[in-house]
Amino acid sequence: MSIELARPISEWQLIQASAAGDERAFEQLYQHYSRRVYSLCLRLLGNPADAEDVTQEVFLQVHRKLKTFRGDAAFTTWLYRLTVNAALMHLRKSIVRHEQAEEDEQIKVLTDQVARERPSRLLDRIALERAIGALPPGYRTVFILHDIEGYEHEEIARMLGISVGTTKSQLHKARMRLRQLLTTPPALPEGRNHDEQR
């Protein structure tokens, strides 16, 4: 099944044509969604190279699994679920390769860095991105999907295969942790207090 791509066609027609093996239709799906998938991967993983790798993996999965898409949910919901699952698998593999102590040290370094940068008024997007990156993977995923991507708790629960209550709990905990990361004053050397620094 080959579709003449010069005329506008619906997303559903592109999906059907891609599932039937039309590479040009699949290329259009890729062109339309690849930036969104990459953006989500980058937010979840915090590393451009990893985000590119996972984006490629997602579209390989889409190519293999597109025939299983029934249209019960929006294509974007299905695609984002594949993306989140691929990113979480990548994170799991990374965690296996690194000891928990190293991860704790990275979080401490990021927290200390955000705290040191605070006096220089760096409570901007960079500090927020670093703080989001320091969140545990479950909290970070729900936070990004809800507060950044705009999904409702019910959609997130379906995407991640968890309960709505769990998404709400993880979002609350993520927000509390972010607040803590962004408002904790920098640590001072022993024997000094904040009044001496002024």
C-alpha atoms as a PDB file:
ATOM      1  CA  MET A   1       0.000   0.000   0.000  1.00  0.00           C
ATOM      2  CA  SER A   2       1.670   3.198  -1.137  1.00  0.00           C
ATOM      3  CA  ILE A   3       0.089   6.557  -0.476  1.00  0.00           C
ATOM      4  CA  GLU A   4       0.575   9.577  -2.671  1.00  0.00           C
ATOM      5  CA  LEU A   5       2.118  11.952  -0.138  1.00  0.00           C
ATOM      6  CA  ALA A   6       1.664  15.087  -2.225  1.00  0.00           C
ATOM      7  CA  ARG A   7      -1.911  15.432  -1.005  1.00  0.00           C
ATOM      8  CA  PRO A   8      -2.686  15.926   2.684  1.00  0.00           C
ATOM      9  CA  ILE A   9      -3.698  12.750   4.460  1.00  0.00           C
ATOM     10  CA  SER A  10      -4.844  12.032   7.976  1.00  0.00           C
ATOM     11  CA  GLU A  11      -2.656  10.730  10.765  1.00  0.00           C
ATOM     12  CA  TRP A  12      -4.660   7.490  10.755  1.00  0.00           C
ATOM     13  CA  GLN A  13      -3.985   7.009   7.035  1.00  0.00           C
ATOM     14  CA  LEU A  14      -0.261   7.573   7.640  1.00  0.00           C
ATOM     15  CA  ILE A  15      -0.306   5.031  10.452  1.00  0.00           C
ATOM     16  CA  GLN A  16      -2.115   2.454   8.303  1.00  0.00           C
ATOM     17  CA  ALA A  17       0.194   3.032   5.341  1.00  0.00           C
ATOM     18  CA  SER A  18       3.278   2.807   7.590  1.00  0.00           C
ATOM     19  CA  ALA A  19       1.998  -0.395   9.179  1.00  0.00           C
ATOM     20  CA  ALA A  20       1.517  -1.812   5.674  1.00  0.00           C
ATOM     21  CA  GLY A  21       5.182  -1.129   4.858  1.00  0.00           C
ATOM     22  CA  ASP A  22       5.054   2.271   3.144  1.00  0.00           C
ATOM     23  CA  GLU A  23       8.446   3.736   4.092  1.00  0.00           C
ATOM     24  CA  ARG A  24       7.543   7.232   2.856  1.00  0.00           C
ATOM     25  CA  ALA A  25       4.522   7.299   5.155  1.00  0.00           C
ATOM     26  CA  PHE A  26       6.687   6.104   8.041  1.00  0.00           C
ATOM     27  CA  GLU A  27       9.211   8.822   7.241  1.00  0.00           C
ATOM     28  CA  GLN A  28       6.430  11.401   7.519  1.00  0.00           C
ATOM     29  CA  LEU A  29       5.411   9.997  10.923  1.00  0.00           C
ATOM     30  CA  TYR A  30       9.057  10.164  11.981  1.00  0.00           C
ATOM     31  CA  GLN A  31       9.432  13.757  10.754  1.00  0.00           C
ATOM     32  CA  HIS A  32       6.254  14.780  12.562  1.00  0.00           C
ATOM     33  CA  TYR A  33       6.986  13.136  15.943  1.00  0.00           C
ATOM     34  CA  SER A  34      10.766  12.748  16.253  1.00  0.00           C
ATOM     35  CA  ARG A  35      11.375  16.156  17.852  1.00  0.00           C
ATOM     36  CA  ARG A  36       8.700  15.539  20.499  1.00  0.00           C
ATOM     37  CA  VAL A  37      10.062  12.075  21.258  1.00  0.00           C
ATOM     38  CA  TYR A  38      13.632  13.420  21.476  1.00  0.00           C
ATOM     39  CA  SER A  39      12.509  16.258  23.744  1.00  0.00           C
ATOM     40  CA  LEU A  40      10.770  13.847  26.107  1.00  0.00           C
ATOM     41  CA  CYS A  41      13.812  11.522  26.096  1.00  0.00           C
ATOM     42  CA  LEU A  42      16.123  14.440  26.834  1.00  0.00           C
ATOM     43  CA  ARG A  43      13.975  15.543  29.762  1.00  0.00           C
ATOM     44  CA  LEU A  44      13.784  12.031  31.143  1.00  0.00           C
ATOM     45  CA  LEU A  45      17.439  11.118  30.610  1.00  0.00           C
ATOM     46  CA  GLY A  46      19.192  14.494  30.854  1.00  0.00           C
ATOM     47  CA  ASN A  47      21.842  13.532  28.309  1.00  0.00           C
ATOM     48  CA  PRO A  48      21.630  14.463  24.599  1.00  0.00           C
ATOM     49  CA  ALA A  49      23.542  11.397  23.396  1.00  0.00           C
ATOM     50  CA  ASP A  50      21.346   9.038  25.425  1.00  0.00           C
ATOM     51  CA  ALA A  51      18.243  10.906  24.254  1.00  0.00           C
ATOM     52  CA  GLU A  52      19.289  10.432  20.614  1.00  0.00           C
ATOM     53  CA  ASP A  53      19.952   6.726  21.165  1.00  0.00           C
ATOM     54  CA  VAL A  54      16.622   6.161  22.882  1.00  0.00           C
ATOM     55  CA  THR A  55      14.781   8.204  20.230  1.00  0.00           C
ATOM     56  CA  GLN A  56      16.216   5.917  17.555  1.00  0.00           C
ATOM     57  CA  GLU A  57      15.260   2.871  19.610  1.00  0.00           C
ATOM     58  CA  VAL A  58      11.710   4.199  19.998  1.00  0.00           C
ATOM     59  CA  PHE A  59      11.261   4.619  16.261  1.00  0.00           C
ATOM     60  CA  LEU A  60      12.685   1.146  15.628  1.00  0.00           C
ATOM     61  CA  GLN A  61      10.048  -0.152  18.038  1.00  0.00           C
ATOM     62  CA  VAL A  62       7.358   1.941  16.339  1.00  0.00           C
ATOM     63  CA  HIS A  63       8.363   0.469  12.986  1.00  0.00           C
ATOM     64  CA  ARG A  64       8.181  -3.079  14.395  1.00  0.00           C
ATOM     65  CA  LYS A  65       5.039  -2.620  16.512  1.00  0.00           C
ATOM     66  CA  LEU A  66       2.930  -0.233  14.420  1.00  0.00           C
ATOM     67  CA  LYS A  67       0.754  -3.128  13.234  1.00  0.00           C
ATOM     68  CA  THR A  68      -0.298  -3.653  16.863  1.00  0.00           C
ATOM     69  CA  PHE A  69      -1.617  -0.080  17.209  1.00  0.00           C
ATOM     70  CA  ARG A  70      -5.410  -0.434  17.187  1.00  0.00           C
ATOM     71  CA  GLY A  71      -6.382   3.186  17.654  1.00  0.00           C
ATOM     72  CA  ASP A  72      -8.109   2.626  21.018  1.00  0.00           C
ATOM     73  CA  ALA A  73      -6.092   5.541  22.403  1.00  0.00           C
ATOM     74  CA  ALA A  74      -4.528   8.502  20.652  1.00  0.00           C
ATOM     75  CA  PHE A  75      -1.409   7.689  18.644  1.00  0.00           C
ATOM     76  CA  THR A  76       0.562  10.179  20.742  1.00  0.00           C
ATOM     77  CA  THR A  77      -0.431   8.335  23.925  1.00  0.00           C
ATOM     78  CA  TRP A  78       0.773   5.044  22.426  1.00  0.00           C
ATOM     79  CA  LEU A  79       3.973   6.666  21.140  1.00  0.00           C
ATOM     80  CA  TYR A  80       4.704   8.401  24.461  1.00  0.00           C
ATOM     81  CA  ARG A  81       4.160   5.146  26.331  1.00  0.00           C
ATOM     82  CA  LEU A  82       6.736   3.468  24.077  1.00  0.00           C
ATOM     83  CA  THR A  83       9.051   6.434  24.665  1.00  0.00           C
ATOM     84  CA  VAL A  84       8.690   6.445  28.448  1.00  0.00           C
ATOM     85  CA  ASN A  85       9.173   2.673  28.603  1.00  0.00           C
ATOM     86  CA  ALA A  86      12.291   2.849  26.408  1.00  0.00           C
ATOM     87  CA  ALA A  87      13.723   5.691  28.522  1.00  0.00           C
ATOM     88  CA  LEU A  88      12.993   3.819  31.747  1.00  0.00           C
ATOM     89  CA  MET A  89      14.655   0.682  30.376  1.00  0.00           C
ATOM     90  CA  HIS A  90      17.676   2.778  29.456  1.00  0.00           C
ATOM     91  CA  LEU A  91      17.770   4.204  32.980  1.00  0.00           C
ATOM     92  CA  ARG A  92      17.470   0.726  34.506  1.00  0.00           C
ATOM     93  CA  LYS A  93      20.388  -0.496  32.408  1.00  0.00           C
ATOM     94  CA  SER A  94      22.415   2.543  33.464  1.00  0.00           C
ATOM     95  CA  ILE A  95      21.667   1.946  37.115  1.00  0.00           C
ATOM     96  CA  VAL A  96      22.763  -1.662  36.826  1.00  0.00           C
ATOM     97  CA  ARG A  97      26.088  -0.463  35.386  1.00  0.00           C
ATOM     98  CA  HIS A  98      26.632   2.069  38.148  1.00  0.00           C
ATOM     99  CA  GLU A  99      26.671   1.500  41.856  1.00  0.00           C
ATOM    100  CA  GLN A 100      24.022   3.171  43.995  1.00  0.00           C
ATOM    101  CA  ALA A 101      26.746   5.104  45.809  1.00  0.00           C
ATOM    102  CA  GLU A 102      27.790   6.788  42.577  1.00  0.00           C
ATOM    103  CA  GLU A 103      24.207   7.815  41.880  1.00  0.00           C
ATOM    104  CA  ASP A 104      23.827   9.216  45.400  1.00  0.00           C
ATOM    105  CA  GLU A 105      27.080  11.133  44.922  1.00  0.00           C
ATOM    106  CA  GLN A 106      25.822  12.594  41.639  1.00  0.00           C
ATOM    107  CA  ILE A 107      22.620  13.770  43.314  1.00  0.00           C
ATOM    108  CA  LYS A 108      24.649  15.310  46.140  1.00  0.00           C
ATOM    109  CA  VAL A 109      26.984  17.031  43.654  1.00  0.00           C
ATOM    110  CA  LEU A 110      24.016  18.403  41.687  1.00  0.00           C
ATOM    111  CA  THR A 111      22.257  19.523  44.859  1.00  0.00           C
ATOM    112  CA  ASP A 112      25.432  21.207  46.120  1.00  0.00           C
ATOM    113  CA  GLN A 113      26.009  22.815  42.724  1.00  0.00           C
ATOM    114  CA  VAL A 114      22.451  24.202  42.587  1.00  0.00           C
ATOM    115  CA  ALA A 115      22.849  25.438  46.173  1.00  0.00           C
ATOM    116  CA  ARG A 116      26.197  27.154  45.398  1.00  0.00           C
ATOM    117  CA  GLU A 117      24.793  28.766  42.258  1.00  0.00           C
ATOM    118  CA  ARG A 118      21.745  30.110  44.087  1.00  0.00           C
ATOM    119  CA  PRO A 119      23.423  33.280  45.364  1.00  0.00           C
ATOM    120  CA  SER A 120      24.360  34.177  41.798  1.00  0.00           C
ATOM    121  CA  ARG A 121      20.652  34.195  40.868  1.00  0.00           C
ATOM    122  CA  LEU A 122      20.856  31.028  38.832  1.00  0.00           C
ATOM    123  CA  LEU A 123      17.377  29.888  39.856  1.00  0.00           C
ATOM    124  CA  ASP A 124      16.524  29.786  36.204  1.00  0.00           C
ATOM    125  CA  ARG A 125      15.859  27.081  33.695  1.00  0.00           C
ATOM    126  CA  ILE A 126      19.325  25.512  34.028  1.00  0.00           C
ATOM    127  CA  ALA A 127      18.943  25.073  37.794  1.00  0.00           C
ATOM    128  CA  LEU A 128      15.451  23.663  37.334  1.00  0.00           C
ATOM    129  CA  GLU A 129      16.620  21.214  34.641  1.00  0.00           C
ATOM    130  CA  ARG A 130      19.438  20.043  36.927  1.00  0.00           C
ATOM    131  CA  ALA A 131      17.052  19.632  39.830  1.00  0.00           C
ATOM    132  CA  ILE A 132      14.636  17.675  37.640  1.00  0.00           C
ATOM    133  CA  GLY A 133      17.560  15.518  36.548  1.00  0.00           C
ATOM    134  CA  ALA A 134      18.363  14.795  40.195  1.00  0.00           C
ATOM    135  CA  LEU A 135      14.900  13.371  40.859  1.00  0.00           C
ATOM    136  CA  PRO A 136      14.505   9.599  41.102  1.00  0.00           C
ATOM    137  CA  PRO A 137      13.376   8.189  37.725  1.00  0.00           C
ATOM    138  CA  GLY A 138       9.755   7.490  38.757  1.00  0.00           C
ATOM    139  CA  TYR A 139       9.225  10.977  40.178  1.00  0.00           C
ATOM    140  CA  ARG A 140      10.956  12.599  37.198  1.00  0.00           C
ATOM    141  CA  THR A 141       8.846  10.695  34.664  1.00  0.00           C
ATOM    142  CA  VAL A 142       5.517  11.611  36.263  1.00  0.00           C
ATOM    143  CA  PHE A 143       6.618  15.222  36.838  1.00  0.00           C
ATOM    144  CA  ILE A 144       7.660  15.681  33.198  1.00  0.00           C
ATOM    145  CA  LEU A 145       4.570  14.015  31.777  1.00  0.00           C
ATOM    146  CA  HIS A 146       2.190  16.005  34.017  1.00  0.00           C
ATOM    147  CA  ASP A 147       3.768  19.408  34.631  1.00  0.00           C
ATOM    148  CA  ILE A 148       5.799  19.816  31.439  1.00  0.00           C
ATOM    149  CA  GLU A 149       4.021  17.747  28.788  1.00  0.00           C
ATOM    150  CA  GLY A 150       0.527  18.470  30.179  1.00  0.00           C
ATOM    151  CA  TYR A 151      -0.863  14.944  30.498  1.00  0.00           C
ATOM    152  CA  GLU A 152      -3.640  14.204  32.990  1.00  0.00           C
ATOM    153  CA  HIS A 153      -3.123  11.658  35.771  1.00  0.00           C
ATOM    154  CA  GLU A 154      -5.396   9.125  34.048  1.00  0.00           C
ATOM    155  CA  GLU A 155      -3.335   9.301  30.836  1.00  0.00           C
ATOM    156  CA  ILE A 156      -0.063   8.987  32.746  1.00  0.00           C
ATOM    157  CA  ALA A 157      -1.399   5.993  34.662  1.00  0.00           C
ATOM    158  CA  ARG A 158      -2.293   4.273  31.368  1.00  0.00           C
ATOM    159  CA  MET A 159       1.074   5.124  29.796  1.00  0.00           C
ATOM    160  CA  LEU A 160       3.106   3.832  32.734  1.00  0.00           C
ATOM    161  CA  GLY A 161       0.816   0.978  33.758  1.00  0.00           C
ATOM    162  CA  ILE A 162       0.392   2.301  37.312  1.00  0.00           C
ATOM    163  CA  SER A 163      -2.567   3.546  39.338  1.00  0.00           C
ATOM    164  CA  VAL A 164      -3.834   7.121  39.258  1.00  0.00           C
ATOM    165  CA  GLY A 165      -3.118   7.344  42.987  1.00  0.00           C
ATOM    166  CA  THR A 166       0.506   6.410  42.363  1.00  0.00           C
ATOM    167  CA  THR A 167       0.892   9.127  39.728  1.00  0.00           C
ATOM    168  CA  LYS A 168      -0.549  11.715  42.107  1.00  0.00           C
ATOM    169  CA  SER A 169       1.701  10.554  44.928  1.00  0.00           C
ATOM    170  CA  GLN A 170       4.820  10.577  42.748  1.00  0.00           C
ATOM    171  CA  LEU A 171       3.962  14.029  41.387  1.00  0.00           C
ATOM    172  CA  HIS A 172       3.527  15.392  44.917  1.00  0.00           C
ATOM    173  CA  LYS A 173       6.822  13.845  46.052  1.00  0.00           C
ATOM    174  CA  ALA A 174       8.593  15.150  42.947  1.00  0.00           C
ATOM    175  CA  ARG A 175       7.361  18.691  43.612  1.00  0.00           C
ATOM    176  CA  MET A 176       8.407  18.507  47.263  1.00  0.00           C
ATOM    177  CA  ARG A 177      11.865  17.218  46.309  1.00  0.00           C
ATOM    178  CA  LEU A 178      12.256  19.945  43.671  1.00  0.00           C
ATOM    179  CA  ARG A 179      11.263  22.567  46.211  1.00  0.00           C
ATOM    180  CA  GLN A 180      13.874  21.178  48.577  1.00  0.00           C
ATOM    181  CA  LEU A 181      16.566  21.077  45.889  1.00  0.00           C
ATOM    182  CA  LEU A 182      15.853  24.620  44.744  1.00  0.00           C
ATOM    183  CA  THR A 183      15.499  26.269  48.165  1.00  0.00           C
ATOM    184  CA  THR A 184      18.190  24.579  50.253  1.00  0.00           C
ATOM    185  CA  PRO A 185      20.850  27.175  51.078  1.00  0.00           C
ATOM    186  CA  PRO A 186      24.417  26.304  50.164  1.00  0.00           C
ATOM    187  CA  ALA A 187      26.430  24.439  52.755  1.00  0.00           C
ATOM    188  CA  LEU A 188      28.989  26.555  54.587  1.00  0.00           C
ATOM    189  CA  PRO A 189      32.366  25.446  55.896  1.00  0.00           C
ATOM    190  CA  GLU A 190      32.319  24.210  59.487  1.00  0.00           C
ATOM    191  CA  GLY A 191      32.307  26.914  62.134  1.00  0.00           C
ATOM    192  CA  ARG A 192      30.686  29.576  59.910  1.00  0.00           C
ATOM    193  CA  ASN A 193      27.102  30.702  59.790  1.00  0.00           C
ATOM    194  CA  HIS A 194      25.070  32.637  57.219  1.00  0.00           C
ATOM    195  CA  ASP A 195      25.464  35.950  59.099  1.00  0.00           C
ATOM    196  CA  GLU A 196      29.270  35.776  58.797  1.00  0.00           C
ATOM    197  CA  GLN A 197      29.006  35.377  55.045  1.00  0.00           C
ATOM    198  CA  ARG A 198      27.216  38.697  54.501  1.00  0.00           C
END
